[in-house]
Amino acid sequence: MDREKSEILALKALTYVAGDEKRLGWLLTETGLDPRNLSNSADSDEILAGVLDFLLAHEDILIDFCNFEKLDATSPARARRFLPGAPPEDF
């Protein structure tokens, strides 16, 4: 895993979350973003880090996402290390 792969995984996670109105609403509520801010800043490393944080905080969504993308369930946590705000020792 590296920064580029982490960003790609986080973008896939954002696409997955945004594909369901309930999950998207939950993400927006927890992050304080509004849909316009999210749309305008979706490629921001801070936003991508927040998406992975959201995913990691909700095991059911995490497992569903990993199954959907055919990923190991630890991949989002490994990806999170390469984005702002997550010291490697936390994961």
N, C-alpha and C. Protein backbone atom coordinates (compact mmCIF):
# COMPACT_ATOMS: atom_id res chain seq x y z
N MET A 1 0.86 -1.18 0.00
CA MET A 1 0.00 0.00 0.00
C MET A 1 0.90 1.24 0.00
N ASP A 2 0.51 2.23 -0.76
CA ASP A 2 1.21 3.51 -0.78
C ASP A 2 0.15 4.61 -0.85
N ARG A 3 0.60 5.84 -0.92
CA ARG A 3 -0.34 6.97 -0.90
C ARG A 3 -1.32 6.92 -2.07
N GLU A 4 -0.82 6.66 -3.27
CA GLU A 4 -1.70 6.64 -4.44
C GLU A 4 -2.75 5.53 -4.32
N LYS A 5 -2.34 4.35 -3.92
CA LYS A 5 -3.30 3.26 -3.74
C LYS A 5 -4.29 3.58 -2.63
N SER A 6 -3.82 4.26 -1.59
CA SER A 6 -4.71 4.66 -0.50
C SER A 6 -5.77 5.64 -0.99
N GLU A 7 -5.35 6.59 -1.80
CA GLU A 7 -6.30 7.56 -2.35
C GLU A 7 -7.32 6.87 -3.25
N ILE A 8 -6.87 5.93 -4.05
CA ILE A 8 -7.79 5.20 -4.93
C ILE A 8 -8.78 4.40 -4.11
N LEU A 9 -8.29 3.71 -3.07
CA LEU A 9 -9.19 2.94 -2.22
C LEU A 9 -10.21 3.86 -1.55
N ALA A 10 -9.76 5.01 -1.07
CA ALA A 10 -10.66 5.94 -0.41
C ALA A 10 -11.70 6.50 -1.38
N LEU A 11 -11.31 6.75 -2.62
CA LEU A 11 -12.28 7.21 -3.63
C LEU A 11 -13.31 6.11 -3.92
N LYS A 12 -12.85 4.87 -3.96
CA LYS A 12 -13.80 3.76 -4.14
C LYS A 12 -14.75 3.68 -2.95
N ALA A 13 -14.22 3.90 -1.76
CA ALA A 13 -15.06 3.88 -0.56
C ALA A 13 -16.09 5.01 -0.62
N LEU A 14 -15.66 6.18 -1.05
CA LEU A 14 -16.59 7.31 -1.18
C LEU A 14 -17.68 6.99 -2.19
N THR A 15 -17.31 6.42 -3.31
CA THR A 15 -18.29 6.04 -4.32
C THR A 15 -19.27 5.02 -3.76
N TYR A 16 -18.76 4.07 -3.01
CA TYR A 16 -19.61 3.05 -2.39
C TYR A 16 -20.58 3.68 -1.40
N VAL A 17 -20.07 4.52 -0.54
CA VAL A 17 -20.92 5.16 0.48
C VAL A 17 -21.96 6.05 -0.20
N ALA A 18 -21.54 6.80 -1.20
CA ALA A 18 -22.45 7.72 -1.89
C ALA A 18 -23.51 6.99 -2.70
N GLY A 19 -23.28 5.72 -2.98
CA GLY A 19 -24.24 4.93 -3.74
C GLY A 19 -25.49 4.54 -2.97
N ASP A 20 -25.52 4.84 -1.70
CA ASP A 20 -26.67 4.52 -0.87
C ASP A 20 -27.05 5.77 -0.07
N GLU A 21 -28.26 6.23 -0.25
CA GLU A 21 -28.70 7.48 0.38
C GLU A 21 -28.56 7.45 1.90
N LYS A 22 -28.87 6.33 2.51
CA LYS A 22 -28.77 6.22 3.97
C LYS A 22 -27.32 6.33 4.44
N ARG A 23 -26.43 5.58 3.77
CA ARG A 23 -25.00 5.65 4.14
C ARG A 23 -24.45 7.05 3.91
N LEU A 24 -24.81 7.65 2.78
CA LEU A 24 -24.33 8.99 2.48
C LEU A 24 -24.82 9.99 3.53
N GLY A 25 -26.08 9.90 3.88
CA GLY A 25 -26.62 10.79 4.91
C GLY A 25 -25.89 10.63 6.23
N TRP A 26 -25.59 9.40 6.56
CA TRP A 26 -24.85 9.11 7.79
C TRP A 26 -23.46 9.73 7.73
N LEU A 27 -22.76 9.57 6.61
CA LEU A 27 -21.43 10.17 6.44
C LEU A 27 -21.51 11.68 6.57
N LEU A 28 -22.46 12.29 5.90
CA LEU A 28 -22.58 13.75 5.95
C LEU A 28 -22.88 14.23 7.36
N THR A 29 -23.73 13.52 8.07
CA THR A 29 -24.07 13.90 9.44
C THR A 29 -22.84 13.80 10.34
N GLU A 30 -22.11 12.72 10.22
CA GLU A 30 -20.96 12.51 11.10
C GLU A 30 -19.79 13.44 10.79
N THR A 31 -19.62 13.81 9.54
CA THR A 31 -18.48 14.65 9.16
C THR A 31 -18.82 16.13 9.18
N GLY A 32 -20.11 16.46 9.14
CA GLY A 32 -20.51 17.86 9.09
C GLY A 32 -20.42 18.46 7.69
N LEU A 33 -20.11 17.64 6.72
CA LEU A 33 -20.07 18.13 5.34
C LEU A 33 -21.47 18.24 4.77
N ASP A 34 -21.61 19.09 3.78
CA ASP A 34 -22.85 19.07 3.02
C ASP A 34 -22.52 18.50 1.63
N PRO A 35 -23.53 18.06 0.90
CA PRO A 35 -23.26 17.41 -0.39
C PRO A 35 -22.42 18.26 -1.34
N ARG A 36 -22.63 19.56 -1.34
CA ARG A 36 -21.88 20.44 -2.24
C ARG A 36 -20.40 20.47 -1.85
N ASN A 37 -20.11 20.59 -0.55
CA ASN A 37 -18.72 20.58 -0.09
C ASN A 37 -18.05 19.26 -0.43
N LEU A 38 -18.79 18.17 -0.22
CA LEU A 38 -18.23 16.85 -0.50
C LEU A 38 -17.93 16.72 -1.99
N SER A 39 -18.84 17.16 -2.81
CA SER A 39 -18.65 17.07 -4.25
C SER A 39 -17.47 17.91 -4.72
N ASN A 40 -17.34 19.10 -4.17
CA ASN A 40 -16.25 20.00 -4.58
C ASN A 40 -14.89 19.60 -4.04
N SER A 41 -14.87 18.82 -2.97
CA SER A 41 -13.61 18.49 -2.30
C SER A 41 -13.33 17.00 -2.24
N ALA A 42 -14.00 16.22 -3.04
CA ALA A 42 -13.89 14.76 -2.96
C ALA A 42 -12.47 14.26 -3.15
N ASP A 43 -11.63 15.01 -3.85
CA ASP A 43 -10.27 14.55 -4.07
C ASP A 43 -9.28 15.06 -3.02
N SER A 44 -9.78 15.77 -2.02
CA SER A 44 -8.93 16.27 -0.94
C SER A 44 -8.49 15.11 -0.05
N ASP A 45 -7.21 15.09 0.30
CA ASP A 45 -6.70 14.03 1.17
C ASP A 45 -7.42 14.01 2.52
N GLU A 46 -7.78 15.18 3.02
CA GLU A 46 -8.48 15.25 4.30
C GLU A 46 -9.88 14.63 4.19
N ILE A 47 -10.56 14.89 3.09
CA ILE A 47 -11.88 14.30 2.87
C ILE A 47 -11.75 12.79 2.72
N LEU A 48 -10.77 12.35 1.95
CA LEU A 48 -10.57 10.91 1.76
C LEU A 48 -10.23 10.23 3.09
N ALA A 49 -9.43 10.90 3.91
CA ALA A 49 -9.12 10.35 5.24
C ALA A 49 -10.40 10.23 6.06
N GLY A 50 -11.26 11.23 5.98
CA GLY A 50 -12.53 11.20 6.71
C GLY A 50 -13.44 10.08 6.24
N VAL A 51 -13.43 9.82 4.95
CA VAL A 51 -14.24 8.71 4.42
C VAL A 51 -13.74 7.39 4.98
N LEU A 52 -12.42 7.21 5.00
CA LEU A 52 -11.89 5.97 5.56
C LEU A 52 -12.16 5.89 7.06
N ASP A 53 -12.07 7.01 7.76
CA ASP A 53 -12.40 7.01 9.19
C ASP A 53 -13.85 6.58 9.40
N PHE A 54 -14.74 7.09 8.57
CA PHE A 54 -16.15 6.72 8.65
C PHE A 54 -16.30 5.21 8.44
N LEU A 55 -15.67 4.72 7.42
CA LEU A 55 -15.74 3.30 7.09
C LEU A 55 -15.21 2.46 8.26
N LEU A 56 -14.09 2.86 8.81
CA LEU A 56 -13.48 2.11 9.91
C LEU A 56 -14.29 2.17 11.20
N ALA A 57 -15.12 3.19 11.33
CA ALA A 57 -15.95 3.32 12.52
C ALA A 57 -17.24 2.51 12.44
N HIS A 58 -17.55 1.98 11.26
CA HIS A 58 -18.81 1.25 11.06
C HIS A 58 -18.50 -0.10 10.43
N GLU A 59 -18.33 -1.08 11.29
CA GLU A 59 -17.88 -2.40 10.84
C GLU A 59 -18.78 -3.01 9.77
N ASP A 60 -20.08 -2.85 9.91
CA ASP A 60 -20.99 -3.44 8.92
C ASP A 60 -20.78 -2.83 7.53
N ILE A 61 -20.59 -1.53 7.47
CA ILE A 61 -20.34 -0.87 6.19
C ILE A 61 -18.96 -1.26 5.66
N LEU A 62 -17.99 -1.32 6.56
CA LEU A 62 -16.64 -1.73 6.18
C LEU A 62 -16.64 -3.11 5.54
N ILE A 63 -17.29 -4.06 6.19
CA ILE A 63 -17.33 -5.43 5.67
C ILE A 63 -18.05 -5.48 4.33
N ASP A 64 -19.18 -4.78 4.23
CA ASP A 64 -19.92 -4.75 2.96
C ASP A 64 -19.06 -4.16 1.85
N PHE A 65 -18.38 -3.06 2.14
CA PHE A 65 -17.51 -2.43 1.14
C PHE A 65 -16.41 -3.38 0.71
N CYS A 66 -15.75 -3.99 1.67
CA CYS A 66 -14.64 -4.90 1.33
C CYS A 66 -15.14 -6.10 0.53
N ASN A 67 -16.29 -6.62 0.87
CA ASN A 67 -16.85 -7.72 0.08
C ASN A 67 -17.18 -7.25 -1.33
N PHE A 68 -17.77 -6.07 -1.45
CA PHE A 68 -18.13 -5.50 -2.74
C PHE A 68 -16.90 -5.32 -3.63
N GLU A 69 -15.82 -4.81 -3.04
CA GLU A 69 -14.58 -4.55 -3.79
C GLU A 69 -13.63 -5.75 -3.81
N LYS A 70 -14.03 -6.83 -3.13
CA LYS A 70 -13.18 -8.03 -3.03
C LYS A 70 -11.81 -7.69 -2.41
N LEU A 71 -11.88 -6.99 -1.28
CA LEU A 71 -10.69 -6.57 -0.56
C LEU A 71 -10.59 -7.30 0.77
N ASP A 72 -9.40 -7.44 1.26
CA ASP A 72 -9.20 -7.90 2.62
C ASP A 72 -9.75 -6.81 3.55
N ALA A 73 -10.39 -7.21 4.63
CA ALA A 73 -11.01 -6.25 5.54
C ALA A 73 -10.01 -5.32 6.23
N THR A 74 -8.74 -5.64 6.16
CA THR A 74 -7.73 -4.76 6.76
C THR A 74 -7.23 -3.69 5.79
N SER A 75 -7.60 -3.79 4.53
CA SER A 75 -7.10 -2.85 3.52
C SER A 75 -7.42 -1.40 3.83
N PRO A 76 -8.66 -1.05 4.23
CA PRO A 76 -8.93 0.35 4.54
C PRO A 76 -8.08 0.88 5.70
N ALA A 77 -7.83 0.06 6.71
CA ALA A 77 -7.00 0.50 7.83
C ALA A 77 -5.55 0.72 7.37
N ARG A 78 -5.07 -0.16 6.52
CA ARG A 78 -3.71 0.03 5.99
C ARG A 78 -3.65 1.27 5.11
N ALA A 79 -4.69 1.51 4.32
CA ALA A 79 -4.73 2.70 3.46
C ALA A 79 -4.78 3.97 4.28
N ARG A 80 -5.48 3.93 5.40
CA ARG A 80 -5.66 5.12 6.23
C ARG A 80 -4.32 5.68 6.71
N ARG A 81 -3.33 4.82 6.89
CA ARG A 81 -2.02 5.26 7.38
C ARG A 81 -1.35 6.27 6.47
N PHE A 82 -1.71 6.28 5.19
CA PHE A 82 -1.03 7.13 4.21
C PHE A 82 -1.72 8.47 3.99
N LEU A 83 -2.80 8.71 4.71
CA LEU A 83 -3.54 9.96 4.55
C LEU A 83 -3.40 10.80 5.83
N PRO A 84 -3.64 12.10 5.72
CA PRO A 84 -3.43 13.01 6.85
C PRO A 84 -4.19 12.61 8.12
N GLY A 85 -3.51 12.83 9.24
CA GLY A 85 -4.16 12.66 10.53
C GLY A 85 -4.10 11.28 11.15
N ALA A 86 -3.36 10.39 10.57
CA ALA A 86 -3.28 9.03 11.11
C ALA A 86 -1.84 8.59 11.25
N PRO A 87 -1.28 8.72 12.45
CA PRO A 87 0.07 8.20 12.63
C PRO A 87 0.10 6.70 12.43
N PRO A 88 1.11 6.16 11.76
CA PRO A 88 1.17 4.73 11.48
C PRO A 88 1.01 3.86 12.72
N GLU A 89 1.45 4.31 13.88
CA GLU A 89 1.35 3.48 15.07
C GLU A 89 -0.09 3.32 15.55
N ASP A 90 -1.01 4.12 15.05
CA ASP A 90 -2.42 3.97 15.43
C ASP A 90 -3.09 2.80 14.74
N PHE A 91 -2.49 2.26 13.70
CA PHE A 91 -3.11 1.17 12.95
C PHE A 91 -2.20 0.01 12.92
